[in-house]
């Protein structure tokens, strides 16, 4: 199996309920297909980890960091309807949205 930084390269999941990013993959893609509001919790920030969130359905998707880590300077980010957020973990600044 190919790996980067000792991790598997990627994972794709569909979330219809609350979901916790594992932190085991260099790039994790989460397709949010929820019909009720959910929360996606990011793993503890590992430098250079990438998470792509896609909000497909109509219900709210809130994104929070593990242990209160900040996402682009905030505790909670809400994904707009039919949007994509690319997040990159940094050692100094928590999760950044690109």
N, C-alpha and C. Protein backbone atom coordinates (compact mmCIF):
# COMPACT_ATOMS: atom_id res chain seq x y z
N UNK A 1 0.84 -1.18 0.00
CA UNK A 1 0.00 0.00 0.00
C UNK A 1 0.89 1.24 0.00
N UNK A 2 0.58 2.20 -0.86
CA UNK A 2 1.34 3.45 -0.89
C UNK A 2 1.06 4.23 0.38
N UNK A 3 2.05 4.97 0.83
CA UNK A 3 1.83 5.77 2.04
C UNK A 3 2.62 7.06 1.95
N UNK A 4 2.17 8.02 2.75
CA UNK A 4 2.86 9.31 2.87
C UNK A 4 2.97 9.63 4.34
N UNK A 5 4.16 9.93 4.80
CA UNK A 5 4.38 10.26 6.20
C UNK A 5 3.89 9.13 7.10
N UNK A 6 4.01 7.87 6.64
CA UNK A 6 3.59 6.74 7.45
C UNK A 6 2.10 6.53 7.50
N UNK A 7 1.33 7.24 6.67
CA UNK A 7 -0.12 7.12 6.66
C UNK A 7 -0.57 6.63 5.30
N UNK A 8 -1.73 5.96 5.28
CA UNK A 8 -2.34 5.63 4.00
C UNK A 8 -2.67 6.93 3.30
N UNK A 9 -2.66 6.92 1.98
CA UNK A 9 -2.84 8.15 1.23
C UNK A 9 -4.22 8.76 1.34
N UNK A 10 -5.29 7.97 1.29
CA UNK A 10 -6.58 8.62 1.30
C UNK A 10 -7.73 7.72 1.67
N UNK A 11 -8.83 8.38 1.99
CA UNK A 11 -10.07 7.69 2.32
C UNK A 11 -11.24 8.56 1.87
N UNK A 12 -12.30 7.92 1.37
CA UNK A 12 -13.53 8.60 1.01
C UNK A 12 -14.65 8.00 1.83
N UNK A 13 -15.44 8.85 2.50
CA UNK A 13 -16.58 8.37 3.28
C UNK A 13 -17.80 9.24 2.99
N UNK A 14 -18.98 8.65 3.17
CA UNK A 14 -20.22 9.40 3.11
C UNK A 14 -20.76 9.50 4.53
N UNK A 15 -21.08 10.72 4.96
CA UNK A 15 -21.57 10.93 6.32
C UNK A 15 -23.04 11.33 6.27
N UNK A 16 -23.87 10.57 7.00
CA UNK A 16 -25.28 10.91 7.14
C UNK A 16 -25.61 11.21 8.60
N UNK A 17 -24.63 11.04 9.47
CA UNK A 17 -24.76 11.33 10.91
C UNK A 17 -23.44 11.96 11.35
N UNK A 18 -23.36 12.37 12.63
CA UNK A 18 -22.12 12.95 13.13
C UNK A 18 -20.94 12.05 12.74
N UNK A 19 -19.82 12.70 12.40
CA UNK A 19 -18.66 11.96 11.91
C UNK A 19 -17.39 12.54 12.51
N UNK A 20 -16.44 11.66 12.83
CA UNK A 20 -15.15 12.10 13.35
C UNK A 20 -14.06 11.69 12.37
N UNK A 21 -13.32 12.69 11.88
CA UNK A 21 -12.19 12.44 10.98
C UNK A 21 -11.15 11.64 11.74
N UNK A 22 -10.64 10.60 11.13
CA UNK A 22 -9.77 9.66 11.84
C UNK A 22 -8.36 10.16 12.09
N UNK A 23 -7.82 10.95 11.16
CA UNK A 23 -6.42 11.36 11.29
C UNK A 23 -5.46 10.30 10.81
N UNK A 24 -5.98 9.17 10.30
CA UNK A 24 -5.14 8.06 9.85
C UNK A 24 -4.73 8.18 8.40
N UNK A 25 -5.27 9.17 7.69
CA UNK A 25 -5.03 9.29 6.25
C UNK A 25 -4.40 10.64 5.93
N UNK A 26 -3.55 10.67 4.91
CA UNK A 26 -2.95 11.93 4.48
C UNK A 26 -4.02 12.87 3.90
N UNK A 27 -5.07 12.30 3.29
CA UNK A 27 -6.17 13.09 2.72
C UNK A 27 -7.46 12.32 2.91
N UNK A 28 -8.39 12.92 3.62
CA UNK A 28 -9.68 12.30 3.85
C UNK A 28 -10.76 13.16 3.21
N UNK A 29 -11.63 12.55 2.42
CA UNK A 29 -12.73 13.24 1.77
C UNK A 29 -14.03 12.78 2.42
N UNK A 30 -14.83 13.74 2.90
CA UNK A 30 -16.09 13.42 3.56
C UNK A 30 -17.22 14.07 2.76
N UNK A 31 -18.08 13.24 2.19
CA UNK A 31 -19.26 13.71 1.47
C UNK A 31 -20.42 13.70 2.45
N UNK A 32 -20.92 14.89 2.80
CA UNK A 32 -22.00 15.01 3.78
C UNK A 32 -23.33 14.92 3.07
N UNK A 33 -24.04 13.79 3.29
CA UNK A 33 -25.31 13.53 2.63
C UNK A 33 -26.43 13.47 3.68
N UNK A 34 -26.28 14.27 4.71
CA UNK A 34 -27.20 14.23 5.84
C UNK A 34 -28.52 14.94 5.56
N UNK A 35 -29.59 14.43 6.18
CA UNK A 35 -30.90 15.08 6.09
C UNK A 35 -31.28 15.73 7.41
N UNK A 36 -30.44 15.54 8.43
CA UNK A 36 -30.59 16.22 9.72
C UNK A 36 -29.25 16.92 10.00
N UNK A 37 -29.25 17.96 10.86
CA UNK A 37 -27.97 18.63 11.17
C UNK A 37 -26.95 17.66 11.76
N UNK A 38 -25.70 17.80 11.32
CA UNK A 38 -24.62 16.96 11.85
C UNK A 38 -23.41 17.82 12.20
N UNK A 39 -22.50 17.20 12.95
CA UNK A 39 -21.22 17.82 13.28
C UNK A 39 -20.11 16.90 12.79
N UNK A 40 -19.16 17.49 12.07
CA UNK A 40 -17.96 16.77 11.66
C UNK A 40 -16.84 17.26 12.57
N UNK A 41 -16.22 16.35 13.31
CA UNK A 41 -15.13 16.69 14.21
C UNK A 41 -13.81 16.31 13.56
N UNK A 42 -12.94 17.31 13.42
CA UNK A 42 -11.62 17.06 12.83
C UNK A 42 -10.71 16.43 13.87
N UNK A 43 -9.76 15.64 13.41
CA UNK A 43 -8.81 15.01 14.32
C UNK A 43 -7.88 16.07 14.91
N UNK A 44 -7.12 15.68 15.93
CA UNK A 44 -6.09 16.55 16.47
C UNK A 44 -5.17 16.90 15.31
N UNK A 45 -4.82 18.17 15.20
CA UNK A 45 -4.11 18.65 14.01
C UNK A 45 -2.77 17.97 13.82
N UNK A 46 -2.65 17.15 12.76
CA UNK A 46 -1.34 16.67 12.36
C UNK A 46 -0.87 17.55 11.21
N UNK A 47 0.35 17.99 11.26
CA UNK A 47 0.86 18.86 10.20
C UNK A 47 0.69 18.20 8.84
N UNK A 48 0.23 18.97 7.89
CA UNK A 48 0.08 18.57 6.49
C UNK A 48 -1.03 17.57 6.20
N UNK A 49 -1.88 17.27 7.17
CA UNK A 49 -3.03 16.43 6.85
C UNK A 49 -4.04 17.28 6.10
N UNK A 50 -4.73 16.67 5.16
CA UNK A 50 -5.72 17.39 4.36
C UNK A 50 -7.08 16.71 4.50
N UNK A 51 -8.11 17.54 4.68
CA UNK A 51 -9.48 17.04 4.76
C UNK A 51 -10.32 17.87 3.79
N UNK A 52 -11.07 17.19 2.95
CA UNK A 52 -12.00 17.87 2.04
C UNK A 52 -13.41 17.50 2.47
N UNK A 53 -14.22 18.52 2.76
CA UNK A 53 -15.61 18.31 3.14
C UNK A 53 -16.50 18.83 2.02
N UNK A 54 -17.48 18.03 1.64
CA UNK A 54 -18.43 18.42 0.60
C UNK A 54 -19.82 18.35 1.21
N UNK A 55 -20.53 19.48 1.21
CA UNK A 55 -21.90 19.50 1.73
C UNK A 55 -22.84 19.36 0.55
N UNK A 56 -23.48 18.19 0.46
CA UNK A 56 -24.37 17.91 -0.65
C UNK A 56 -25.83 18.12 -0.26
N UNK A 57 -26.22 17.73 0.93
CA UNK A 57 -27.62 17.74 1.35
C UNK A 57 -28.03 19.08 1.95
N UNK A 58 -29.31 19.18 2.29
CA UNK A 58 -29.86 20.44 2.76
C UNK A 58 -29.68 20.74 4.24
N UNK A 59 -29.39 19.76 5.06
CA UNK A 59 -29.27 20.01 6.50
C UNK A 59 -27.90 20.59 6.85
N UNK A 60 -27.84 21.30 7.98
CA UNK A 60 -26.60 21.97 8.40
C UNK A 60 -25.47 20.99 8.65
N UNK A 61 -24.25 21.46 8.35
CA UNK A 61 -23.02 20.72 8.67
C UNK A 61 -22.11 21.69 9.41
N UNK A 62 -21.90 21.43 10.71
CA UNK A 62 -20.96 22.20 11.51
C UNK A 62 -19.66 21.43 11.61
N UNK A 63 -18.55 22.15 11.54
CA UNK A 63 -17.22 21.54 11.61
C UNK A 63 -16.54 22.09 12.86
N UNK A 64 -16.02 21.18 13.69
CA UNK A 64 -15.33 21.57 14.92
C UNK A 64 -13.99 20.84 14.98
N UNK A 65 -13.06 21.42 15.72
CA UNK A 65 -11.77 20.79 15.93
C UNK A 65 -11.76 19.97 17.20
N UNK A 66 -11.01 18.88 17.20
CA UNK A 66 -10.86 18.07 18.41
C UNK A 66 -10.21 18.89 19.51
N UNK A 67 -10.64 18.69 20.72
CA UNK A 67 -10.06 19.36 21.89
C UNK A 67 -10.08 20.88 21.77
N UNK A 68 -11.09 21.41 21.08
CA UNK A 68 -11.22 22.86 20.97
C UNK A 68 -10.22 23.53 20.04
N UNK A 69 -9.56 22.75 19.18
CA UNK A 69 -8.63 23.36 18.22
C UNK A 69 -9.39 24.26 17.26
N UNK A 70 -8.74 25.31 16.85
CA UNK A 70 -9.38 26.30 15.99
C UNK A 70 -9.35 25.90 14.52
N UNK A 71 -10.39 26.31 13.81
CA UNK A 71 -10.48 26.13 12.37
C UNK A 71 -10.57 27.52 11.78
N UNK A 72 -9.51 27.94 11.15
CA UNK A 72 -9.44 29.28 10.56
C UNK A 72 -9.78 30.35 11.61
N UNK A 73 -9.25 30.14 12.83
CA UNK A 73 -9.40 31.10 13.91
C UNK A 73 -10.71 31.03 14.67
N UNK A 74 -11.58 30.08 14.36
CA UNK A 74 -12.89 29.96 15.02
C UNK A 74 -13.05 28.56 15.59
N UNK A 75 -13.92 28.44 16.62
CA UNK A 75 -14.19 27.14 17.20
C UNK A 75 -15.10 26.29 16.31
N UNK A 76 -16.02 26.95 15.59
CA UNK A 76 -16.99 26.24 14.75
C UNK A 76 -17.05 26.93 13.39
N UNK A 77 -17.10 26.12 12.35
CA UNK A 77 -17.34 26.62 10.99
C UNK A 77 -18.58 25.90 10.47
N UNK A 78 -19.48 26.62 9.84
CA UNK A 78 -20.66 25.99 9.22
C UNK A 78 -20.46 26.02 7.71
N UNK A 79 -20.60 24.86 7.09
CA UNK A 79 -20.45 24.79 5.64
C UNK A 79 -21.70 25.35 4.97
N UNK A 80 -21.53 26.26 4.03
CA UNK A 80 -22.67 26.75 3.26
C UNK A 80 -23.26 25.62 2.40
N UNK A 81 -24.50 25.81 2.01
CA UNK A 81 -25.21 24.83 1.19
C UNK A 81 -24.44 24.53 -0.10
N UNK A 82 -24.36 23.27 -0.47
CA UNK A 82 -23.70 22.80 -1.69
C UNK A 82 -22.33 23.44 -1.88
N UNK A 83 -21.49 23.26 -0.86
CA UNK A 83 -20.15 23.85 -0.90
C UNK A 83 -19.10 22.79 -0.61
N UNK A 84 -17.86 23.17 -0.83
CA UNK A 84 -16.71 22.32 -0.53
C UNK A 84 -15.73 23.13 0.30
N UNK A 85 -15.17 22.51 1.32
CA UNK A 85 -14.13 23.15 2.13
C UNK A 85 -12.91 22.25 2.12
N UNK A 86 -11.77 22.81 1.77
CA UNK A 86 -10.49 22.11 1.84
C UNK A 86 -9.76 22.62 3.06
N UNK A 87 -9.43 21.71 3.97
CA UNK A 87 -8.76 22.09 5.21
C UNK A 87 -7.38 21.43 5.25
N UNK A 88 -6.41 22.19 5.74
CA UNK A 88 -5.04 21.69 5.87
C UNK A 88 -4.61 21.90 7.32
N UNK A 89 -4.10 20.82 7.91
CA UNK A 89 -3.61 20.91 9.28
C UNK A 89 -2.22 21.51 9.31
N UNK A 90 -2.01 22.47 10.21
CA UNK A 90 -0.69 23.09 10.38
C UNK A 90 -0.27 22.99 11.84
N UNK A 91 0.98 22.82 12.08
CA UNK A 91 1.48 22.71 13.44
C UNK A 91 1.31 24.01 14.22
N UNK A 92 1.40 25.16 13.53
CA UNK A 92 1.38 26.45 14.22
C UNK A 92 0.01 27.11 14.29
N UNK A 93 -0.83 26.88 13.28
CA UNK A 93 -2.09 27.64 13.19
C UNK A 93 -3.34 26.79 13.23
N UNK A 94 -3.28 25.54 13.63
CA UNK A 94 -4.46 24.69 13.64
C UNK A 94 -4.88 24.36 12.23
N UNK A 95 -6.19 24.28 12.00
CA UNK A 95 -6.74 23.96 10.68
C UNK A 95 -6.95 25.21 9.88
N UNK A 96 -6.48 25.22 8.66
CA UNK A 96 -6.67 26.35 7.74
C UNK A 96 -7.61 25.93 6.62
N UNK A 97 -8.46 26.84 6.18
CA UNK A 97 -9.34 26.58 5.04
C UNK A 97 -8.68 27.19 3.82
N UNK A 98 -8.55 26.37 2.76
CA UNK A 98 -7.92 26.88 1.54
C UNK A 98 -8.93 26.99 0.43
